[in-house]
Amino acid sequence: MTNPIAPYELAQVNIARLKAPLDSPELKPFMDGLEPVNAVADAADGFIWRLQTEAGDATELRVFGDDWLMINMSVWRDPNALTAFMYQGQHRELLGRRYEFFERIEEAMTALWWVPAGHRPTPQDAEARLVELRENGPTATAFTLRTSFPPPSA
């Protein structure tokens, strides 16, 4: 589902520190909502790719060597497509409940960056972008929806 016209696509990562194990009663509403939300994302206008294991999601993957940090990573056509998905329907509902499932963290847990069309970032790429954002604030290398940058010129 790459866009043959645009030379760049928008990668996003968000990580979250679990409050409880994934199979706990506390995280049951989150886990029950995960598959339906992923299905909506997969069908969303502007969605291109998401990180997943053979199980169909990324709940088994961890970042920064921390067993309590989950990762969500995807690629979108542009910030408008990502925003349209984020703030509607079931995703919006789960997003509104995020502090029931995940710890509040002061440092940046979400980063965006442009990738060449067809490129699929790795969790290591995501870690590097989060570190970049934490150390330097929003730049063209790693930014946020609130402070975004256009794709590199072709």
Protein backbone atom coordinates (compact mmCIF):
# COMPACT_ATOMS: atom_id res chain seq x y z
CA MET A 1 0.00 0.00 0.00
CA THR A 2 2.80 2.46 -0.66
CA ASN A 3 1.98 5.75 -2.28
CA PRO A 4 3.66 5.73 -5.72
CA ILE A 5 3.56 9.55 -5.90
CA ALA A 6 5.08 10.54 -2.56
CA PRO A 7 8.79 9.83 -2.07
CA TYR A 8 8.39 9.89 1.75
CA GLU A 9 6.02 8.36 4.26
CA LEU A 10 5.51 9.17 7.93
CA ALA A 11 6.80 6.71 10.52
CA GLN A 12 5.47 6.89 14.05
CA VAL A 13 6.42 5.13 17.24
CA ASN A 14 4.85 5.24 20.62
CA ILE A 15 5.97 3.26 23.59
CA ALA A 16 4.22 2.74 26.89
CA ARG A 17 5.17 1.33 30.27
CA LEU A 18 2.69 -1.33 31.34
CA LYS A 19 1.01 -1.01 34.74
CA ALA A 20 0.38 -4.76 34.90
CA PRO A 21 1.12 -7.93 32.92
CA LEU A 22 -0.69 -8.23 29.58
CA ASP A 23 -2.73 -11.20 30.80
CA SER A 24 -3.88 -9.41 33.97
CA PRO A 25 -7.50 -8.37 34.65
CA GLU A 26 -6.32 -4.73 34.71
CA LEU A 27 -5.22 -4.91 31.07
CA LYS A 28 -8.11 -7.03 29.78
CA PRO A 29 -10.02 -4.01 28.34
CA PHE A 30 -6.87 -2.92 26.50
CA MET A 31 -6.11 -6.40 25.17
CA ASP A 32 -9.76 -6.93 24.15
CA GLY A 33 -9.65 -3.67 22.17
CA LEU A 34 -6.31 -4.27 20.49
CA GLU A 35 -7.39 -6.51 17.60
CA PRO A 36 -10.42 -4.36 16.63
CA VAL A 37 -8.34 -1.17 16.77
CA ASN A 38 -5.60 -2.76 14.66
CA ALA A 39 -8.22 -3.82 12.10
CA VAL A 40 -9.52 -0.24 11.90
CA ALA A 41 -5.96 1.05 11.49
CA ASP A 42 -5.20 -1.49 8.77
CA ALA A 43 -8.25 -0.26 6.82
CA ALA A 44 -7.75 3.47 7.50
CA ASP A 45 -7.18 5.90 4.67
CA GLY A 46 -3.45 6.67 4.55
CA PHE A 47 -2.35 3.62 6.57
CA ILE A 48 0.63 1.82 5.04
CA TRP A 49 2.22 -0.59 7.54
CA ARG A 50 2.46 -1.52 11.22
CA LEU A 51 5.00 -3.45 13.22
CA GLN A 52 3.72 -6.87 14.18
CA THR A 53 4.86 -10.37 14.97
CA GLU A 54 3.31 -13.55 13.57
CA ALA A 55 0.67 -13.15 16.30
CA GLY A 56 -0.65 -10.09 14.43
CA ASP A 57 0.38 -7.41 16.90
CA ALA A 58 3.51 -6.14 18.61
CA THR A 59 2.62 -6.94 22.23
CA GLU A 60 5.51 -9.42 22.53
CA LEU A 61 8.13 -6.85 21.47
CA ARG A 62 9.99 -4.69 23.99
CA VAL A 63 12.29 -1.68 23.64
CA PHE A 64 15.19 -0.13 25.56
CA GLY A 65 15.84 -3.52 27.20
CA ASP A 66 12.81 -2.99 29.46
CA ASP A 67 10.31 -5.85 29.90
CA TRP A 68 7.57 -3.35 30.81
CA LEU A 69 7.90 -1.07 27.74
CA MET A 70 5.61 -1.96 24.84
CA ILE A 71 6.09 -0.58 21.35
CA ASN A 72 3.62 0.45 18.68
CA MET A 73 5.06 1.51 15.35
CA SER A 74 3.43 2.25 12.01
CA VAL A 75 3.88 4.09 8.73
CA TRP A 76 1.29 6.50 7.31
CA ARG A 77 0.87 8.58 4.19
CA ASP A 78 1.12 11.84 6.17
CA PRO A 79 0.33 13.45 9.56
CA ASN A 80 -3.29 14.12 8.56
CA ALA A 81 -3.96 10.43 7.93
CA LEU A 82 -2.38 9.48 11.26
CA THR A 83 -4.31 12.15 13.16
CA ALA A 84 -7.62 11.17 11.53
CA PHE A 85 -7.15 7.60 12.76
CA MET A 86 -5.87 8.52 16.23
CA TYR A 87 -8.73 10.71 17.30
CA GLN A 88 -11.77 8.74 16.19
CA GLY A 89 -13.68 5.59 17.11
CA GLN A 90 -12.27 2.79 19.22
CA HIS A 91 -8.73 4.14 19.10
CA ARG A 92 -9.89 7.40 20.62
CA GLU A 93 -11.73 5.48 23.34
CA LEU A 94 -8.64 3.42 24.26
CA LEU A 95 -6.43 6.50 24.01
CA GLY A 96 -8.68 8.23 26.53
CA ARG A 97 -8.20 5.30 28.93
CA ARG A 98 -4.43 4.96 28.45
CA TYR A 99 -3.55 5.86 32.05
CA GLU A 100 -5.65 2.94 33.27
CA PHE A 101 -3.25 0.61 31.44
CA PHE A 102 0.05 2.50 31.24
CA GLU A 103 2.22 4.57 33.57
CA ARG A 104 2.45 8.33 33.17
CA ILE A 105 5.93 9.12 31.86
CA GLU A 106 7.45 12.59 31.67
CA GLU A 107 9.89 11.98 28.81
CA ALA A 108 8.89 11.69 25.16
CA MET A 109 7.20 8.36 24.44
CA THR A 110 6.07 9.20 20.89
CA ALA A 111 8.15 10.27 17.90
CA LEU A 112 7.53 10.83 14.21
CA TRP A 113 9.97 10.92 11.31
CA TRP A 114 9.95 10.69 7.54
CA VAL A 115 11.13 7.52 5.82
CA PRO A 116 11.64 6.87 2.10
CA ALA A 117 8.52 5.33 0.58
CA GLY A 118 8.62 1.57 1.05
CA HIS A 119 11.07 1.65 3.98
CA ARG A 120 9.95 -0.20 7.12
CA PRO A 121 11.61 1.07 10.30
CA THR A 122 12.84 -1.26 13.02
CA PRO A 123 12.41 -1.02 16.78
CA GLN A 124 16.07 0.04 16.90
CA ASP A 125 15.29 2.92 14.52
CA ALA A 126 12.42 3.88 16.82
CA GLU A 127 14.63 3.84 19.91
CA ALA A 128 17.12 6.14 18.16
CA ARG A 129 14.36 8.59 17.18
CA LEU A 130 12.98 8.67 20.71
CA VAL A 131 16.46 9.33 22.12
CA GLU A 132 16.96 12.08 19.51
CA LEU A 133 13.66 13.73 20.45
CA ARG A 134 14.37 13.46 24.17
CA GLU A 135 17.85 14.96 23.84
CA ASN A 136 17.21 17.67 21.23
CA GLY A 137 13.49 18.35 21.18
CA PRO A 138 11.57 18.32 17.91
CA THR A 139 13.78 18.49 14.82
CA ALA A 140 13.41 17.28 11.24
CA THR A 141 15.01 14.01 12.44
CA ALA A 142 12.44 13.27 15.17
CA PHE A 143 9.35 15.33 15.89
CA THR A 144 5.80 15.31 17.26
CA LEU A 145 2.36 15.98 15.82
CA ARG A 146 2.33 19.25 17.75
CA THR A 147 5.71 20.33 16.32
CA SER A 148 6.05 18.65 12.94
CA PHE A 149 8.32 19.06 9.96
CA PRO A 150 7.67 18.56 6.27
CA PRO A 151 9.22 15.62 4.44
CA PRO A 152 12.71 16.15 3.01
CA SER A 153 12.68 17.74 -0.40
CA ALA A 154 13.03 15.23 -3.20
